[in-house]
Amino acid sequence: MHAPDGGQGLNTGVQDAVNLGWKLAQVVKGTSPESLLDTYHAERHPVAARVLRNTMASVALRRPDDRTKALRDTMSELLGMDEPRKRFAAMMSGLDIHYDFGEGHPLLGRRMPDLHLITASGPLRVFTLLHDARPVLLNLGEPGGFDITPWATRVQSIDAKYVGAWELPDLGAVTAPTAVLIRPDGHVAWVGDGAHLDLPDALTTWFGPPTAA
C-alpha cells in the first residue's frame, strides 16, 4: 500500500501488465522458453520498490513540523531549477525507467521516444508501430540494411528516417542510433552501432530462436 501521489501506482500497474503480457503470449505460443518470464521480476520489482520509496518520501514531506517545512521549502527551490525538475518529472511519470540490458547506447533498456518518422508509406509515429503488440526493428540507416527473415513472422522490419534531435526525458540529448529493436512494451532491446553482429542474439533472447529455412 502507498499514497496515490501522481498516479504512480496506476502507471506502474499498467506497465507491469504490458511488460508481462507479451512475454506470456510468446511462452504460451511456444515461441520463447519459460525463462523469458523470469525477466518480469528482474525488470519490474525494482520499479515497484522505487515507487514505494517515492511515495513514502512524499508523505513524509507533509508532516506539519518546522523541520519538515524547511525541507519542503528546500525541495521547492530545487524543483524550480530545470535539471532537477526534469529528473523528478521523468521519475514520477515512469519515463526514466531503465532496464539493465548491459552496457551500450543510452537508449538500451529505456523507453523508445515517440518520434515522428518518415517512411516510404508516409509519416508516422513510433508508437503507432506498437499498436499490434509486435516488436519492431526500426532501421534508420540505408533502406534494406537488415535481413531478419528467420524472425519475419514475429518482428516488424521498418525502414525510416528521422530528422531532429534525440532526447530522453531523464538524460537529455543522446547520439542518434542507426537502428533500434523495440519490444512490444516500448523498451529498446538492441541499438545498432554499425556492425550489427549482435542483432541475432538480441532477437533470439527476446523473441525466440530463428525459424528454420
Protein backbone atom coordinates (compact mmCIF):
# COMPACT_ATOMS: atom_id res chain seq x y z
CA MET A 1 0.00 0.00 0.00
CA HIS A 2 1.19 3.51 -0.76
CA ALA A 3 -0.09 7.03 -1.26
CA PRO A 4 -1.68 7.72 -4.68
CA ASP A 5 0.60 10.67 -5.44
CA GLY A 6 0.83 11.37 -9.15
CA GLY A 7 -0.95 8.15 -10.09
CA GLN A 8 2.36 6.30 -9.85
CA GLY A 9 0.72 3.10 -8.64
CA LEU A 10 -1.74 3.07 -11.55
CA ASN A 11 1.04 3.79 -14.02
CA THR A 12 3.18 1.05 -12.52
CA GLY A 13 0.34 -1.48 -12.67
CA VAL A 14 -0.34 -0.77 -16.34
CA GLN A 15 3.36 -1.09 -17.17
CA ASP A 16 3.52 -4.34 -15.18
CA ALA A 17 0.69 -5.76 -17.29
CA VAL A 18 2.25 -4.67 -20.57
CA ASN A 19 5.67 -6.00 -19.55
CA LEU A 20 4.29 -9.42 -18.66
CA GLY A 21 1.60 -9.72 -21.33
CA TRP A 22 3.77 -10.08 -24.42
CA LYS A 23 6.15 -12.42 -22.62
CA LEU A 24 3.31 -14.70 -21.51
CA ALA A 25 1.94 -14.72 -25.06
CA GLN A 26 5.28 -15.82 -26.50
CA VAL A 27 5.73 -18.57 -23.92
CA VAL A 28 2.16 -19.86 -24.38
CA LYS A 29 2.67 -19.96 -28.15
CA GLY A 30 5.95 -21.83 -27.69
CA THR A 31 7.90 -19.03 -29.35
CA SER A 32 10.11 -18.38 -26.30
CA PRO A 33 11.28 -20.53 -23.37
CA GLU A 34 9.73 -20.15 -19.93
CA SER A 35 12.92 -18.46 -18.74
CA LEU A 36 11.70 -15.31 -20.52
CA LEU A 37 9.16 -14.91 -17.71
CA ASP A 38 11.99 -14.52 -15.18
CA THR A 39 12.79 -11.17 -16.74
CA TYR A 40 9.46 -9.81 -15.47
CA HIS A 41 10.59 -9.86 -11.84
CA ALA A 42 14.10 -8.68 -12.67
CA GLU A 43 12.74 -5.67 -14.55
CA ARG A 44 9.62 -4.70 -12.63
CA HIS A 45 10.40 -5.40 -8.97
CA PRO A 46 12.97 -2.56 -8.72
CA VAL A 47 10.46 -0.19 -10.33
CA ALA A 48 7.75 -1.00 -7.78
CA ALA A 49 10.24 -0.69 -4.92
CA ARG A 50 11.21 2.78 -6.11
CA VAL A 51 7.55 3.86 -6.33
CA LEU A 52 7.09 2.81 -2.71
CA ARG A 53 10.16 4.80 -1.73
CA ASN A 54 9.00 7.87 -3.65
CA THR A 55 5.54 7.90 -2.15
CA MET A 56 6.92 7.36 1.35
CA ALA A 57 9.09 10.43 0.86
CA SER A 58 6.11 12.41 -0.42
CA VAL A 59 4.02 11.52 2.63
CA ALA A 60 6.91 12.40 4.93
CA LEU A 61 7.10 15.87 3.37
CA ARG A 62 3.51 16.59 4.51
CA ARG A 63 4.36 16.50 8.18
CA PRO A 64 3.43 19.81 9.84
CA ASP A 65 6.57 20.31 11.96
CA ASP A 66 9.07 23.10 11.32
CA ARG A 67 11.88 20.80 10.21
CA THR A 68 9.73 19.23 7.51
CA LYS A 69 8.53 22.66 6.38
CA ALA A 70 12.17 23.69 5.95
CA LEU A 71 12.76 20.55 3.90
CA ARG A 72 9.70 21.29 1.75
CA ASP A 73 11.00 24.79 1.09
CA THR A 74 14.35 23.39 0.06
CA MET A 75 12.69 20.87 -2.27
CA SER A 76 10.63 23.66 -3.83
CA GLU A 77 13.79 25.62 -4.55
CA LEU A 78 15.42 22.58 -6.15
CA LEU A 79 12.38 21.86 -8.31
CA GLY A 80 12.50 25.44 -9.52
CA MET A 81 15.65 24.51 -11.43
CA ASP A 82 15.36 22.92 -14.87
CA GLU A 83 17.52 19.84 -14.35
CA PRO A 84 16.04 18.64 -11.02
CA ARG A 85 12.51 19.34 -12.33
CA LYS A 86 13.13 17.27 -15.48
CA ARG A 87 14.58 14.40 -13.48
CA PHE A 88 11.71 14.41 -11.00
CA ALA A 89 9.06 14.61 -13.73
CA ALA A 90 10.67 11.69 -15.57
CA MET A 91 10.71 9.67 -12.35
CA MET A 92 7.08 10.45 -11.47
CA SER A 93 5.87 9.57 -14.98
CA GLY A 94 7.96 6.41 -15.26
CA LEU A 95 9.72 7.72 -18.37
CA ASP A 96 13.15 7.33 -16.75
CA ILE A 97 12.81 3.57 -16.26
CA HIS A 98 15.97 1.81 -17.36
CA TYR A 99 16.15 -1.98 -17.55
CA ASP A 100 19.66 -3.39 -17.24
CA PHE A 101 20.46 -4.99 -20.59
CA GLY A 102 24.19 -4.46 -20.22
CA GLU A 103 26.49 -1.74 -21.47
CA GLY A 104 25.80 0.15 -24.66
CA HIS A 105 23.97 3.12 -26.09
CA PRO A 106 21.97 5.20 -23.57
CA LEU A 107 18.75 4.08 -25.30
CA LEU A 108 19.37 0.43 -24.43
CA GLY A 109 16.81 -0.70 -21.84
CA ARG A 110 14.97 2.62 -21.90
CA ARG A 111 11.61 3.54 -23.35
CA MET A 112 11.78 4.46 -27.02
CA PRO A 113 10.83 8.10 -27.72
CA ASP A 114 7.65 8.55 -29.77
CA LEU A 115 9.42 10.10 -32.74
CA HIS A 116 7.81 11.46 -35.90
CA LEU A 117 9.22 9.24 -38.65
CA ILE A 118 9.29 9.49 -42.42
CA THR A 119 8.70 6.19 -44.24
CA ALA A 120 8.03 5.14 -47.82
CA SER A 121 4.33 4.97 -46.90
CA GLY A 122 4.31 8.45 -45.41
CA PRO A 123 4.84 9.99 -41.97
CA LEU A 124 4.04 8.07 -38.82
CA ARG A 125 4.90 8.00 -35.14
CA VAL A 126 6.91 5.25 -33.47
CA PHE A 127 4.18 4.22 -31.05
CA THR A 128 1.79 3.62 -33.95
CA LEU A 129 4.04 0.69 -34.88
CA LEU A 130 3.42 -0.86 -31.45
CA HIS A 131 -0.38 -0.92 -31.64
CA ASP A 132 -0.35 -4.58 -32.72
CA ALA A 133 1.85 -5.54 -29.74
CA ARG A 134 4.57 -6.80 -32.09
CA PRO A 135 8.26 -5.96 -31.77
CA VAL A 136 9.80 -3.59 -34.29
CA LEU A 137 13.22 -3.43 -35.89
CA LEU A 138 13.48 0.22 -36.87
CA ASN A 139 16.18 0.79 -39.47
CA LEU A 140 17.22 4.44 -39.61
CA GLY A 141 20.12 3.90 -41.99
CA GLU A 142 20.22 2.68 -45.57
CA PRO A 143 16.94 1.01 -46.60
CA GLY A 144 17.07 -2.78 -46.73
CA GLY A 145 20.12 -2.93 -44.48
CA PHE A 146 18.79 -5.84 -42.41
CA ASP A 147 17.71 -9.36 -43.19
CA ILE A 148 15.65 -10.79 -40.34
CA THR A 149 13.87 -13.41 -42.44
CA PRO A 150 14.11 -16.09 -39.68
CA TRP A 151 12.09 -13.75 -37.40
CA ALA A 152 9.91 -12.12 -40.08
CA THR A 153 6.65 -13.59 -38.75
CA ARG A 154 7.34 -12.20 -35.29
CA VAL A 155 9.19 -8.92 -35.79
CA GLN A 156 8.22 -5.99 -37.99
CA SER A 157 11.08 -4.52 -40.03
CA ILE A 158 10.62 -0.84 -40.83
CA ASP A 159 12.90 1.44 -42.86
CA ALA A 160 12.52 5.07 -41.80
CA LYS A 161 14.19 8.41 -41.45
CA TYR A 162 14.12 10.82 -38.56
CA VAL A 163 15.23 14.42 -38.74
CA GLY A 164 15.69 16.01 -35.37
CA ALA A 165 17.40 15.71 -32.02
CA TRP A 166 17.29 12.53 -29.98
CA GLU A 167 16.37 13.38 -26.41
CA LEU A 168 15.41 11.25 -23.41
CA PRO A 169 13.37 12.70 -20.54
CA ASP A 170 15.98 11.94 -17.89
CA LEU A 171 19.21 12.19 -19.91
CA GLY A 172 18.64 14.90 -22.47
CA ALA A 173 20.33 14.65 -25.88
CA VAL A 174 21.84 11.31 -26.95
CA THR A 175 23.67 10.15 -30.07
CA ALA A 176 21.37 9.13 -32.93
CA PRO A 177 21.43 5.34 -33.47
CA THR A 178 21.48 3.65 -36.86
CA ALA A 179 18.81 1.14 -35.82
CA VAL A 180 16.82 0.05 -32.77
CA LEU A 181 14.99 -3.13 -31.82
CA ILE A 182 11.87 -2.19 -29.86
CA ARG A 183 9.99 -4.65 -27.65
CA PRO A 184 6.17 -4.65 -27.59
CA ASP A 185 6.28 -2.73 -24.30
CA GLY A 186 8.18 0.11 -25.98
CA HIS A 187 11.57 -0.55 -24.39
CA VAL A 188 14.68 -0.76 -26.56
CA ALA A 189 16.19 -4.24 -26.61
CA TRP A 190 19.08 -3.53 -29.00
CA VAL A 191 20.76 -0.50 -30.56
CA GLY A 192 22.63 -0.61 -33.86
CA ASP A 193 26.25 0.54 -33.79
CA GLY A 194 27.15 -0.02 -37.42
CA ALA A 195 28.31 -3.66 -37.31
CA HIS A 196 25.00 -5.23 -36.17
CA LEU A 197 26.75 -8.53 -35.34
CA ASP A 198 24.83 -8.97 -32.08
CA LEU A 199 21.36 -8.40 -33.55
CA PRO A 200 20.61 -12.14 -33.99
CA ASP A 201 21.45 -12.71 -30.32
CA ALA A 202 19.07 -9.94 -29.24
CA LEU A 203 16.31 -11.27 -31.50
CA THR A 204 16.74 -14.76 -30.07
CA THR A 205 16.88 -13.57 -26.46
CA TRP A 206 13.63 -11.60 -26.63
CA PHE A 207 11.63 -13.13 -29.47
CA GLY A 208 12.73 -16.75 -29.66
CA PRO A 209 15.14 -18.75 -31.83
CA PRO A 210 15.20 -18.26 -35.61
CA THR A 211 12.77 -20.22 -37.74
CA ALA A 212 14.48 -22.90 -39.82
CA ALA A 213 14.67 -22.14 -43.53
